[in-house]
Amino acid sequence: MSTPLIEVNNLTKTFNKKSVIKNLSLKIYNGIYLLKGSNGSGKTTFMKLVMGLLRPTKGSIIKHFKTFNYLPELLIIKSNVLVKDYLTRSLRLRNLKRNFKLESYFKVEVNKPLKTLSKGNLKKVLLYLTLIDRKEMLFLDEPFDGLDKVTKEKAVKYLDENKCNCLISSHQRTFFKNFKKVIYFD
């Protein structure tokens, strides 16, 4: 069997004497993993622990990847910058070229200021930037919240076709029933 991307050994994380994650041990290999559970079940905490944004209370995490991208759940952008200018600058800063196929999955009015976008359209813009900047590992926290079914399906298809390694957190019950690699939190 291949080397896992992530090895978790007896991981515990507590906040104010309450264990959010308790004695979790698992190995995560290449592919797309769904972190499924209700709000507050520890999905985001787990991702932040793996990324190194939080420290475990107990246990260890061994990472066999160096680069990652993270799309957080809560997105608030209060900017008058137009979508097209934001995309152009973001791509230039990361030394990336436009991906027209991927862009077609996330159709958004590019002549609008970012602050006027709906939650779903803002997610599309930021998800596009997360996916186009290819890293060894992606952490997507509720990435499809606010998106229509077709856009969700196209995004998952893109992840699958491009053999992306990612952890996707979700509390949605219907869309993700076909995922084969699921880690349950509750």
Protein backbone atom coordinates (compact mmCIF):
# COMPACT_ATOMS: atom_id res chain seq x y z
CA MET A 1 0.00 0.00 0.00
CA SER A 2 1.20 3.54 -0.69
CA THR A 3 2.35 6.05 1.90
CA PRO A 4 -0.55 7.99 3.42
CA LEU A 5 -0.68 11.75 2.94
CA ILE A 6 -1.79 12.17 6.56
CA GLU A 7 -1.35 9.92 9.59
CA VAL A 8 -3.34 10.77 12.70
CA ASN A 9 -2.48 9.01 15.97
CA ASN A 10 -4.64 9.28 19.12
CA LEU A 11 -5.55 12.88 18.29
CA THR A 12 -7.46 14.85 20.91
CA LYS A 13 -8.40 18.52 20.81
CA THR A 14 -10.16 20.22 23.69
CA PHE A 15 -11.53 23.72 24.07
CA ASN A 16 -12.46 24.87 27.59
CA LYS A 17 -12.24 21.29 28.94
CA LYS A 18 -14.61 19.99 26.23
CA SER A 19 -13.20 17.45 23.77
CA VAL A 20 -14.15 18.29 20.20
CA ILE A 21 -12.01 15.44 18.86
CA LYS A 22 -11.12 12.53 21.13
CA ASN A 23 -8.53 9.79 20.50
CA LEU A 24 -8.89 9.86 16.71
CA SER A 25 -6.53 7.62 14.73
CA LEU A 26 -6.67 7.26 10.96
CA LYS A 27 -4.70 7.37 7.72
CA ILE A 28 -5.66 9.46 4.72
CA TYR A 29 -4.39 8.44 1.29
CA ASN A 30 -4.65 10.09 -2.13
CA GLY A 31 -8.09 11.14 -3.27
CA ILE A 32 -11.11 13.09 -2.18
CA TYR A 33 -12.31 12.60 1.39
CA LEU A 34 -15.57 13.89 2.74
CA LEU A 35 -15.63 14.98 6.38
CA LYS A 36 -19.27 14.55 7.26
CA GLY A 37 -21.03 15.65 10.40
CA SER A 38 -23.32 18.18 11.95
CA ASN A 39 -22.30 21.74 12.77
CA GLY A 40 -19.88 21.78 15.69
CA SER A 41 -18.85 18.13 15.31
CA GLY A 42 -15.14 18.88 14.76
CA LYS A 43 -14.73 18.89 10.98
CA THR A 44 -13.20 22.37 10.73
CA THR A 45 -11.13 21.79 13.86
CA PHE A 46 -9.72 18.61 12.31
CA MET A 47 -8.74 20.43 9.13
CA LYS A 48 -7.10 23.24 11.09
CA LEU A 49 -5.15 20.69 13.14
CA VAL A 50 -3.89 18.96 10.00
CA MET A 51 -2.92 22.30 8.41
CA GLY A 52 -1.07 23.32 11.57
CA LEU A 53 -3.36 26.26 12.35
CA LEU A 54 -4.24 24.63 15.69
CA ARG A 55 -2.16 22.42 17.98
CA PRO A 56 -3.43 19.10 19.28
CA THR A 57 -4.13 18.73 22.98
CA LYS A 58 -2.82 15.16 22.69
CA GLY A 59 -1.67 12.85 19.93
CA SER A 60 0.18 13.45 16.70
CA ILE A 61 -0.32 14.26 13.04
CA ILE A 62 2.27 13.24 10.47
CA LYS A 63 1.95 15.03 7.12
CA HIS A 64 3.48 13.70 3.93
CA PHE A 65 2.69 16.80 1.87
CA LYS A 66 4.34 20.20 1.76
CA THR A 67 1.91 22.54 0.03
CA PHE A 68 -1.80 23.11 0.52
CA ASN A 69 -4.63 25.50 -0.21
CA TYR A 70 -7.44 26.28 2.20
CA LEU A 71 -10.91 27.61 1.45
CA PRO A 72 -12.56 28.60 4.75
CA GLU A 73 -16.29 28.38 5.34
CA LEU A 74 -16.89 31.97 6.43
CA LEU A 75 -16.26 34.43 3.66
CA ILE A 76 -16.77 38.15 4.00
CA ILE A 77 -15.28 40.51 1.46
CA LYS A 78 -16.28 44.15 1.64
CA SER A 79 -14.45 45.46 -1.39
CA ASN A 80 -15.43 47.69 -4.28
CA VAL A 81 -12.89 45.88 -6.48
CA LEU A 82 -14.52 44.34 -9.54
CA VAL A 83 -14.51 40.55 -9.79
CA LYS A 84 -12.46 40.63 -13.01
CA ASP A 85 -9.80 42.86 -11.41
CA TYR A 86 -9.66 40.69 -8.29
CA LEU A 87 -9.20 37.56 -10.41
CA THR A 88 -6.54 39.21 -12.59
CA ARG A 89 -4.55 40.43 -9.58
CA SER A 90 -4.88 37.15 -7.71
CA LEU A 91 -3.68 35.14 -10.70
CA ARG A 92 -0.80 37.54 -11.34
CA LEU A 93 0.32 37.42 -7.69
CA ARG A 94 0.38 33.62 -7.82
CA ASN A 95 1.98 33.58 -11.28
CA LEU A 96 -0.95 31.57 -12.68
CA LYS A 97 -2.72 31.57 -16.03
CA ARG A 98 -6.47 31.55 -16.50
CA ASN A 99 -8.13 28.16 -16.79
CA PHE A 100 -11.05 28.68 -19.16
CA LYS A 101 -12.50 25.20 -18.65
CA LEU A 102 -12.56 25.66 -14.88
CA GLU A 103 -13.86 29.23 -15.28
CA SER A 104 -16.81 27.89 -17.28
CA TYR A 105 -17.86 25.84 -14.23
CA PHE A 106 -18.14 28.95 -12.07
CA LYS A 107 -19.98 31.52 -14.15
CA VAL A 108 -20.07 34.83 -12.29
CA GLU A 109 -20.73 38.38 -13.49
CA VAL A 110 -17.18 39.76 -13.60
CA ASN A 111 -18.10 43.45 -13.88
CA LYS A 112 -19.63 43.57 -10.38
CA PRO A 113 -17.87 44.66 -7.19
CA LEU A 114 -16.98 41.75 -4.90
CA LYS A 115 -19.05 43.18 -2.05
CA THR A 116 -22.26 42.93 -4.14
CA LEU A 117 -21.92 39.20 -4.84
CA SER A 118 -24.26 36.69 -3.24
CA LYS A 119 -22.76 34.09 -0.90
CA GLY A 120 -22.88 31.50 -3.68
CA ASN A 121 -21.21 33.72 -6.28
CA LEU A 122 -18.48 34.76 -3.87
CA LYS A 123 -17.89 31.06 -3.13
CA LYS A 124 -17.56 30.43 -6.87
CA VAL A 125 -14.86 33.10 -7.25
CA LEU A 126 -12.87 31.88 -4.25
CA LEU A 127 -13.32 28.20 -5.10
CA TYR A 128 -12.02 28.91 -8.61
CA LEU A 129 -8.90 30.58 -7.17
CA THR A 130 -8.39 27.71 -4.72
CA LEU A 131 -8.66 25.03 -7.40
CA ILE A 132 -6.58 26.76 -10.05
CA ASP A 133 -3.62 27.19 -7.69
CA ARG A 134 -2.79 23.49 -7.66
CA LYS A 135 -1.20 22.30 -4.42
CA GLU A 136 -0.50 18.82 -3.04
CA MET A 137 -3.49 19.03 -0.70
CA LEU A 138 -6.73 21.02 -0.63
CA PHE A 139 -8.79 21.79 2.46
CA LEU A 140 -12.30 22.89 1.51
CA ASP A 141 -14.54 23.88 4.42
CA GLU A 142 -18.20 23.79 3.35
CA PRO A 143 -17.14 24.77 -0.19
CA PHE A 144 -20.48 24.07 -1.84
CA ASP A 145 -22.73 25.85 0.63
CA GLY A 146 -24.79 28.32 -1.41
CA LEU A 147 -23.98 26.71 -4.77
CA ASP A 148 -26.47 25.13 -7.13
CA LYS A 149 -26.42 21.38 -7.82
CA VAL A 150 -24.86 21.70 -11.31
CA THR A 151 -21.95 23.81 -10.04
CA LYS A 152 -21.35 21.36 -7.17
CA GLU A 153 -21.27 18.43 -9.59
CA LYS A 154 -18.87 20.22 -11.95
CA ALA A 155 -16.52 21.13 -9.10
CA VAL A 156 -16.43 17.55 -7.79
CA LYS A 157 -15.89 16.29 -11.35
CA TYR A 158 -12.96 18.70 -11.72
CA LEU A 159 -11.43 17.47 -8.45
CA ASP A 160 -11.84 13.86 -9.54
CA GLU A 161 -10.58 14.30 -13.12
CA ASN A 162 -7.51 16.20 -11.91
CA LYS A 163 -6.77 13.62 -9.22
CA CYS A 164 -6.82 16.24 -6.49
CA ASN A 165 -6.12 15.26 -2.91
CA CYS A 166 -8.56 17.01 -0.66
CA LEU A 167 -10.57 17.04 2.51
CA ILE A 168 -14.05 18.48 2.02
CA SER A 169 -16.17 19.25 5.07
CA SER A 170 -19.93 19.20 4.78
CA HIS A 171 -23.05 18.93 6.86
CA GLN A 172 -25.26 18.63 3.76
CA ARG A 173 -27.03 15.30 3.61
CA THR A 174 -28.15 14.83 0.04
CA PHE A 175 -25.45 15.83 -2.42
CA PHE A 176 -22.57 13.82 -1.02
CA LYS A 177 -24.15 10.37 -0.77
CA ASN A 178 -21.92 9.05 -3.58
CA PHE A 179 -18.55 9.77 -1.92
CA LYS A 180 -16.61 6.57 -1.28
CA LYS A 181 -14.11 8.00 1.21
CA VAL A 182 -16.06 9.42 4.13
CA ILE A 183 -14.87 10.28 7.63
CA TYR A 184 -17.78 10.74 10.05
CA PHE A 185 -17.72 13.31 12.84
CA ASP A 186 -20.45 13.36 15.50
